[in-house]
Amino acid sequence: MTASQRFDVATTFNVKARPGLEVIGFADDTHPHIPVRKPYVFRPELLRDVLAFLHEAGGDGLFLTGPTGSGKTSLILQIAARLAWPVQSVTCHGRMELAALVGQFVLVDGSTRFVHGPLSTAARDGHLLVLNESDLMDPAELAGLNDILEGHPLVIAENGGEVIRPHPKFRVVATGNTAGAGDRSGLYQGVLRQNLAFMDRFRVVQVGYPEPETEQDLIAAAVPKLPAEIIAKMILVAEEVRRLFLGAGTESGELTVTMSTRTLVRWATLSLAFKGAPNVFEYALQQSLTARAEPEQREAIHRIAADVFGDYWGAKP
């Protein structure tokens, strides 16, 4: 692994921080598994929690939970991008087995050889292992990570009993729409209740949707030519859609689709790309979100947007 490097928190992440506050990253920014750096507005509280974990995991993993599109994965990737920290990222599913994370034999030039998987590579080289949508994976398979999370060696019996001792910088980050307790809302198909012993090995951080001011800055950075007044109206629409999606208390929401920050940026981007087209905001909204909604829900979302936009709804951006 490359040599370590200290990064000033305030300048690296463009946040307010105590003068002289630094975090350890890596000097070599050329590794192919370092995420691509993109414009990003960091939320100080979430940044603090992730940096504390990266500094000293203490035998824990980090579990980021929150509604779809709240920015769980992008938070980790953009922190890693700025610290030059390589990432092994995996999107989990119900048929994924632990063996796929460890490695497998593949045929190369007529002979078989063992190829290390993302878990083995991350543990050996000190990368971040990011398990996206981890609550879709079979709990019995994920339980196989328990020992290595606590710092025990990874023994690969299939590769002649190879022993990988976890690198000091090896970290495991999991994301999920639930906190491992299953989904009672019915919105997240395939989510499984996770093993209690597995979840007990994680710090849990709740990631909600960003504050309006944060999203305003993020969209302005991504689509700088879009007027601030239009961005503000888009955020108001997003907030109402999210409110109807999340519902209240234990009751399910009135909508089965929501407007993530990613979708919000897409709506803003397409609105500018289709500039000059009739009903451009409605057209861009349909491509960004509502084309995949039920007809009644599509109509309801467009009605919300028309009310918020007022005379702007049929105007050009």
Protein backbone atom coordinates (compact mmCIF):
# COMPACT_ATOMS: atom_id res chain seq x y z
CA MET A 1 0.00 0.00 0.00
CA THR A 2 1.16 3.50 -0.74
CA ALA A 3 2.54 5.83 1.91
CA SER A 4 0.14 7.73 4.12
CA GLN A 5 -0.50 11.44 3.81
CA ARG A 6 -2.16 13.99 6.06
CA PHE A 7 -5.04 16.03 4.66
CA ASP A 8 -6.39 19.24 6.17
CA VAL A 9 -10.09 18.62 6.81
CA ALA A 10 -11.29 22.18 6.09
CA THR A 11 -9.59 22.53 2.71
CA THR A 12 -9.96 18.91 1.58
CA PHE A 13 -13.71 18.75 2.16
CA ASN A 14 -14.56 22.47 1.96
CA VAL A 15 -16.19 22.53 5.39
CA LYS A 16 -15.74 24.56 8.55
CA ALA A 17 -13.33 22.74 10.84
CA ARG A 18 -10.94 23.49 13.64
CA PRO A 19 -7.68 24.97 12.29
CA GLY A 20 -5.04 22.28 12.01
CA LEU A 21 -7.53 19.40 12.08
CA GLU A 22 -6.13 16.69 9.81
CA VAL A 23 -7.10 13.21 8.64
CA ILE A 24 -4.91 10.44 7.28
CA GLY A 25 -5.25 9.39 3.64
CA PHE A 26 -2.81 8.19 1.01
CA ALA A 27 -0.14 9.91 -1.05
CA ASP A 28 -0.61 7.98 -4.30
CA ASP A 29 -3.69 9.27 -6.12
CA THR A 30 -3.17 7.12 -9.24
CA HIS A 31 -4.55 3.80 -7.99
CA PRO A 32 -7.29 2.60 -10.41
CA HIS A 33 -9.70 1.80 -7.58
CA ILE A 34 -9.75 5.32 -6.15
CA PRO A 35 -13.26 6.69 -6.91
CA VAL A 36 -13.64 9.48 -9.43
CA ARG A 37 -13.78 12.84 -7.68
CA LYS A 38 -17.01 14.74 -8.39
CA PRO A 39 -18.50 18.02 -7.13
CA TYR A 40 -19.94 17.28 -3.72
CA VAL A 41 -21.28 19.18 -0.72
CA PHE A 42 -20.38 17.41 2.52
CA ARG A 43 -22.68 17.46 5.51
CA PRO A 44 -20.44 18.14 8.54
CA GLU A 45 -22.08 15.66 10.93
CA LEU A 46 -21.92 12.77 8.48
CA LEU A 47 -18.39 13.68 7.44
CA ARG A 48 -17.34 13.69 11.09
CA ASP A 49 -18.76 10.21 11.71
CA VAL A 50 -17.18 8.67 8.62
CA LEU A 51 -13.77 10.26 9.22
CA ALA A 52 -13.80 9.06 12.84
CA PHE A 53 -14.46 5.53 11.59
CA LEU A 54 -11.73 5.70 8.95
CA HIS A 55 -9.26 6.99 11.54
CA GLU A 56 -9.93 4.20 14.02
CA ALA A 57 -12.42 1.41 13.30
CA GLY A 58 -11.83 -0.34 16.61
CA GLY A 59 -13.04 -3.69 15.27
CA ASP A 60 -16.26 -2.20 13.89
CA GLY A 61 -17.76 -1.91 10.46
CA LEU A 62 -19.80 1.15 9.45
CA PHE A 63 -23.44 0.74 8.42
CA LEU A 64 -25.08 3.68 6.63
CA THR A 65 -28.85 3.46 6.59
CA GLY A 66 -31.49 5.75 5.12
CA PRO A 67 -34.09 6.13 2.38
CA THR A 68 -33.23 5.41 -1.21
CA GLY A 69 -31.26 8.16 -2.88
CA SER A 70 -30.23 9.94 0.32
CA GLY A 71 -26.57 9.75 -0.69
CA LYS A 72 -25.22 6.89 1.40
CA THR A 73 -22.84 5.45 -1.18
CA SER A 74 -21.84 8.76 -2.74
CA LEU A 75 -20.83 10.04 0.71
CA ILE A 76 -18.32 7.21 1.15
CA LEU A 77 -17.03 7.34 -2.42
CA GLN A 78 -16.44 11.09 -2.41
CA ILE A 79 -14.64 10.97 0.93
CA ALA A 80 -12.45 8.15 -0.40
CA ALA A 81 -11.82 10.11 -3.62
CA ARG A 82 -10.42 13.05 -1.66
CA LEU A 83 -8.26 10.84 0.56
CA ALA A 84 -6.95 8.74 -2.38
CA TRP A 85 -8.31 5.66 -0.59
CA PRO A 86 -8.98 2.73 -2.98
CA VAL A 87 -12.44 1.18 -2.82
CA GLN A 88 -13.70 -2.30 -3.59
CA SER A 89 -17.42 -1.71 -4.20
CA VAL A 90 -19.99 -4.49 -4.45
CA THR A 91 -23.73 -4.27 -5.04
CA CYS A 92 -25.33 -7.08 -3.05
CA HIS A 93 -28.30 -9.22 -4.06
CA GLY A 94 -30.22 -12.19 -2.74
CA ARG A 95 -28.21 -14.81 -4.64
CA MET A 96 -24.75 -13.47 -3.74
CA GLU A 97 -22.53 -15.87 -1.81
CA LEU A 98 -19.57 -15.11 0.44
CA ALA A 99 -17.36 -17.04 -2.00
CA ALA A 100 -17.98 -14.34 -4.62
CA LEU A 101 -16.46 -11.77 -2.23
CA VAL A 102 -13.51 -13.97 -1.30
CA GLY A 103 -12.48 -15.07 -4.81
CA GLN A 104 -12.74 -17.90 -7.28
CA PHE A 105 -10.83 -19.95 -9.82
CA VAL A 106 -11.02 -18.73 -13.39
CA LEU A 107 -9.75 -20.18 -16.66
CA VAL A 108 -6.75 -18.29 -18.05
CA ASP A 109 -4.89 -19.50 -21.17
CA GLY A 110 -6.14 -23.03 -20.74
CA SER A 111 -5.37 -23.34 -17.04
CA THR A 112 -7.16 -22.29 -13.89
CA ARG A 113 -5.86 -19.82 -11.35
CA PHE A 114 -7.33 -18.26 -8.24
CA VAL A 115 -8.45 -14.64 -8.56
CA HIS A 116 -8.95 -12.76 -5.31
CA GLY A 117 -12.36 -11.15 -4.84
CA PRO A 118 -13.15 -7.71 -3.43
CA LEU A 119 -13.06 -8.85 0.21
CA SER A 120 -9.68 -10.55 -0.11
CA THR A 121 -8.20 -7.66 -2.07
CA ALA A 122 -9.48 -5.03 0.36
CA ALA A 123 -8.28 -6.96 3.41
CA ARG A 124 -4.85 -7.61 1.89
CA ASP A 125 -4.18 -4.13 0.51
CA GLY A 126 -5.98 -1.84 2.97
CA HIS A 127 -8.86 -0.78 0.75
CA LEU A 128 -12.40 0.12 1.73
CA LEU A 129 -14.86 -2.70 1.11
CA VAL A 130 -18.24 -1.09 0.35
CA LEU A 131 -21.25 -3.43 0.41
CA ASN A 132 -24.07 -1.55 -1.29
CA GLU A 133 -27.64 -2.65 -0.49
CA SER A 134 -26.23 -5.15 1.99
CA ASP A 135 -29.67 -5.90 3.44
CA LEU A 136 -30.57 -7.66 0.18
CA MET A 137 -27.94 -10.36 0.83
CA ASP A 138 -28.59 -13.65 2.60
CA PRO A 139 -27.84 -13.11 6.33
CA ALA A 140 -26.14 -16.51 6.52
CA GLU A 141 -23.64 -15.44 3.86
CA LEU A 142 -22.94 -12.04 5.43
CA ALA A 143 -22.30 -13.73 8.78
CA GLY A 144 -19.12 -15.08 7.20
CA LEU A 145 -17.66 -11.58 7.57
CA ASN A 146 -17.94 -11.59 11.37
CA ASP A 147 -14.43 -12.81 12.11
CA ILE A 148 -12.56 -10.54 9.71
CA LEU A 149 -14.52 -7.53 10.97
CA GLU A 150 -12.98 -8.23 14.35
CA GLY A 151 -9.49 -8.40 12.88
CA HIS A 152 -9.10 -12.16 12.56
CA PRO A 153 -7.23 -13.51 9.50
CA LEU A 154 -9.14 -14.50 6.38
CA VAL A 155 -8.36 -18.14 5.54
CA ILE A 156 -9.04 -19.12 1.93
CA ALA A 157 -9.30 -22.89 1.95
CA GLU A 158 -9.98 -22.98 -1.80
CA ASN A 159 -6.56 -21.42 -2.45
CA GLY A 160 -4.47 -23.91 -0.52
CA GLY A 161 -5.32 -22.48 2.87
CA GLU A 162 -3.98 -19.01 2.05
CA VAL A 163 -4.03 -16.72 5.09
CA ILE A 164 -4.67 -12.99 4.67
CA ARG A 165 -4.12 -10.87 7.75
CA PRO A 166 -6.23 -7.70 7.52
CA HIS A 167 -4.26 -4.59 6.61
CA PRO A 168 -4.43 -1.86 9.31
CA LYS A 169 -6.29 0.40 6.85
CA PHE A 170 -8.85 -2.24 5.83
CA ARG A 171 -12.39 -0.99 6.49
CA VAL A 172 -15.86 -2.43 5.80
CA VAL A 173 -18.74 -0.09 5.01
CA ALA A 174 -22.25 -1.40 4.37
CA THR A 175 -25.26 0.55 3.13
CA GLY A 176 -28.93 -0.33 3.30
CA ASN A 177 -32.38 1.20 3.16
CA THR A 178 -33.10 -0.44 6.51
CA ALA A 179 -30.94 -0.88 9.59
CA GLY A 180 -30.91 -4.65 9.28
CA ALA A 181 -34.34 -5.13 10.84
CA GLY A 182 -36.20 -5.83 7.60
CA ASP A 183 -38.73 -3.66 5.77
CA ARG A 184 -42.23 -3.18 7.13
CA SER A 185 -43.23 -0.53 4.60
CA GLY A 186 -43.24 -2.84 1.59
CA LEU A 187 -41.29 -0.26 -0.44
CA TYR A 188 -38.01 -2.16 -0.64
CA GLN A 189 -38.55 -5.50 -2.35
CA GLY A 190 -36.12 -8.25 -1.39
CA VAL A 191 -34.84 -6.67 1.84
CA LEU A 192 -34.02 -9.32 4.43
CA ARG A 193 -33.81 -9.15 8.19
CA GLN A 194 -30.11 -9.44 9.02
CA ASN A 195 -28.35 -11.61 11.59
CA LEU A 196 -28.14 -9.87 14.97
CA ALA A 197 -24.54 -10.96 15.54
CA PHE A 198 -23.54 -9.45 12.18
CA MET A 199 -25.29 -6.12 12.83
CA ASP A 200 -23.75 -5.98 16.32
CA ARG A 201 -20.37 -5.52 14.64
CA PHE A 202 -21.37 -2.23 12.99
CA ARG A 203 -21.63 1.39 13.99
CA VAL A 204 -24.90 2.63 12.50
CA VAL A 205 -25.21 6.10 10.99
CA GLN A 206 -28.55 7.44 9.77
CA VAL A 207 -28.32 9.28 6.45
CA GLY A 208 -31.37 11.39 5.67
CA TYR A 209 -32.00 13.60 2.70
CA PRO A 210 -29.79 16.71 2.67
CA GLU A 211 -31.00 20.04 3.99
CA PRO A 212 -32.42 22.38 1.31
CA GLU A 213 -29.41 24.68 1.52
CA THR A 214 -27.07 21.74 0.88
CA GLU A 215 -29.07 20.57 -2.12
CA GLN A 216 -29.22 24.14 -3.43
CA ASP A 217 -25.42 24.30 -3.37
CA LEU A 218 -25.06 20.85 -4.89
CA ILE A 219 -27.41 21.54 -7.80
CA ALA A 220 -25.88 24.96 -8.38
CA ALA A 221 -22.47 23.30 -8.64
CA ALA A 222 -23.76 20.63 -11.05
CA VAL A 223 -25.94 22.98 -13.18
CA PRO A 224 -24.53 26.48 -12.64
CA LYS A 225 -26.57 28.08 -15.45
CA LEU A 226 -29.93 27.17 -13.92
CA PRO A 227 -31.48 30.15 -12.05
CA ALA A 228 -31.42 29.88 -8.27
CA GLU A 229 -35.17 30.57 -8.12
CA ILE A 230 -35.89 27.51 -10.28
CA ILE A 231 -33.57 25.33 -8.19
CA ALA A 232 -35.39 26.44 -5.03
CA LYS A 233 -38.75 25.45 -6.54
CA MET A 234 -37.39 22.04 -7.57
CA ILE A 235 -36.24 21.43 -4.01
CA LEU A 236 -39.70 22.32 -2.67
CA VAL A 237 -41.22 19.76 -5.03
CA ALA A 238 -38.67 17.16 -3.91
CA GLU A 239 -39.45 17.79 -0.24
CA GLU A 240 -43.17 17.26 -0.77
CA VAL A 241 -42.61 14.10 -2.83
CA ARG A 242 -40.33 12.72 -0.11
CA ARG A 243 -42.87 13.55 2.59
CA LEU A 244 -45.54 11.60 0.73
CA PHE A 245 -43.12 8.74 0.10
CA LEU A 246 -41.93 8.37 3.69
CA GLY A 247 -45.38 8.71 5.27
CA ALA A 248 -45.78 9.40 8.96
CA GLY A 249 -44.71 7.20 11.83
CA THR A 250 -45.26 3.52 11.06
CA GLU A 251 -47.74 4.21 8.26
CA SER A 252 -46.57 3.69 4.70
CA GLY A 253 -46.41 6.71 2.42
CA GLU A 254 -48.87 7.74 -0.27
CA LEU A 255 -46.23 7.45 -3.01
CA THR A 256 -44.12 4.45 -4.00
CA VAL A 257 -41.49 6.56 -5.79
CA THR A 258 -39.37 9.30 -4.30
CA MET A 259 -37.10 12.07 -5.49
CA SER A 260 -33.54 11.40 -4.46
CA THR A 261 -30.84 14.02 -4.65
CA ARG A 262 -29.57 12.15 -7.70
CA THR A 263 -32.99 12.44 -9.35
CA LEU A 264 -33.19 16.10 -8.38
CA VAL A 265 -29.88 16.83 -10.10
CA ARG A 266 -31.07 14.88 -13.15
CA TRP A 267 -34.25 16.97 -13.29
CA ALA A 268 -32.23 20.18 -13.13
CA THR A 269 -29.74 18.96 -15.74
CA LEU A 270 -32.41 17.85 -18.20
CA SER A 271 -34.38 21.06 -17.73
CA LEU A 272 -31.38 22.98 -18.99
CA ALA A 273 -30.56 20.42 -21.69
CA PHE A 274 -34.11 20.70 -23.12
CA LYS A 275 -34.13 24.48 -22.83
CA GLY A 276 -36.55 25.99 -25.32
CA ALA A 277 -38.84 22.96 -25.47
CA PRO A 278 -42.51 23.43 -24.53
CA ASN A 279 -43.36 22.53 -20.93
CA VAL A 280 -39.68 21.84 -20.35
CA PHE A 281 -39.88 21.35 -16.57
CA GLU A 282 -42.71 18.84 -16.89
CA TYR A 283 -40.95 17.00 -19.71
CA ALA A 284 -37.69 16.82 -17.76
CA LEU A 285 -39.51 15.69 -14.61
CA GLN A 286 -41.18 12.88 -16.50
CA GLN A 287 -37.86 11.60 -17.85
CA SER A 288 -36.18 11.99 -14.47
CA LEU A 289 -38.81 10.36 -12.28
CA THR A 290 -42.47 10.14 -13.11
CA ALA A 291 -42.32 7.96 -16.23
CA ARG A 292 -41.79 5.01 -13.86
CA ALA A 293 -44.59 5.97 -11.49
CA GLU A 294 -48.14 4.67 -11.55
CA PRO A 295 -50.42 6.95 -13.64
CA GLU A 296 -52.27 8.27 -10.60
CA GLN A 297 -49.01 8.99 -8.77
CA ARG A 298 -47.50 10.61 -11.86
CA GLU A 299 -50.48 12.94 -12.06
CA ALA A 300 -50.22 13.76 -8.36
CA ILE A 301 -46.50 14.60 -8.58
CA HIS A 302 -47.02 16.79 -11.64
CA ARG A 303 -49.85 18.57 -9.85
CA ILE A 304 -47.54 19.25 -6.89
CA ALA A 305 -44.89 20.61 -9.25
CA ALA A 306 -47.38 22.81 -11.11
CA ASP A 307 -48.61 24.30 -7.82
CA VAL A 308 -45.05 25.03 -6.66
CA PHE A 309 -43.83 26.43 -9.98
CA GLY A 310 -46.92 28.53 -10.69
CA ASP A 311 -46.44 30.59 -13.85
CA TYR A 312 -43.01 29.07 -14.35
CA TRP A 313 -44.46 25.61 -14.99
CA GLY A 314 -45.14 26.28 -18.66
CA ALA A 315 -42.25 28.70 -19.11
CA LYS A 316 -38.73 28.21 -20.45
CA PRO A 317 -35.83 27.95 -17.94
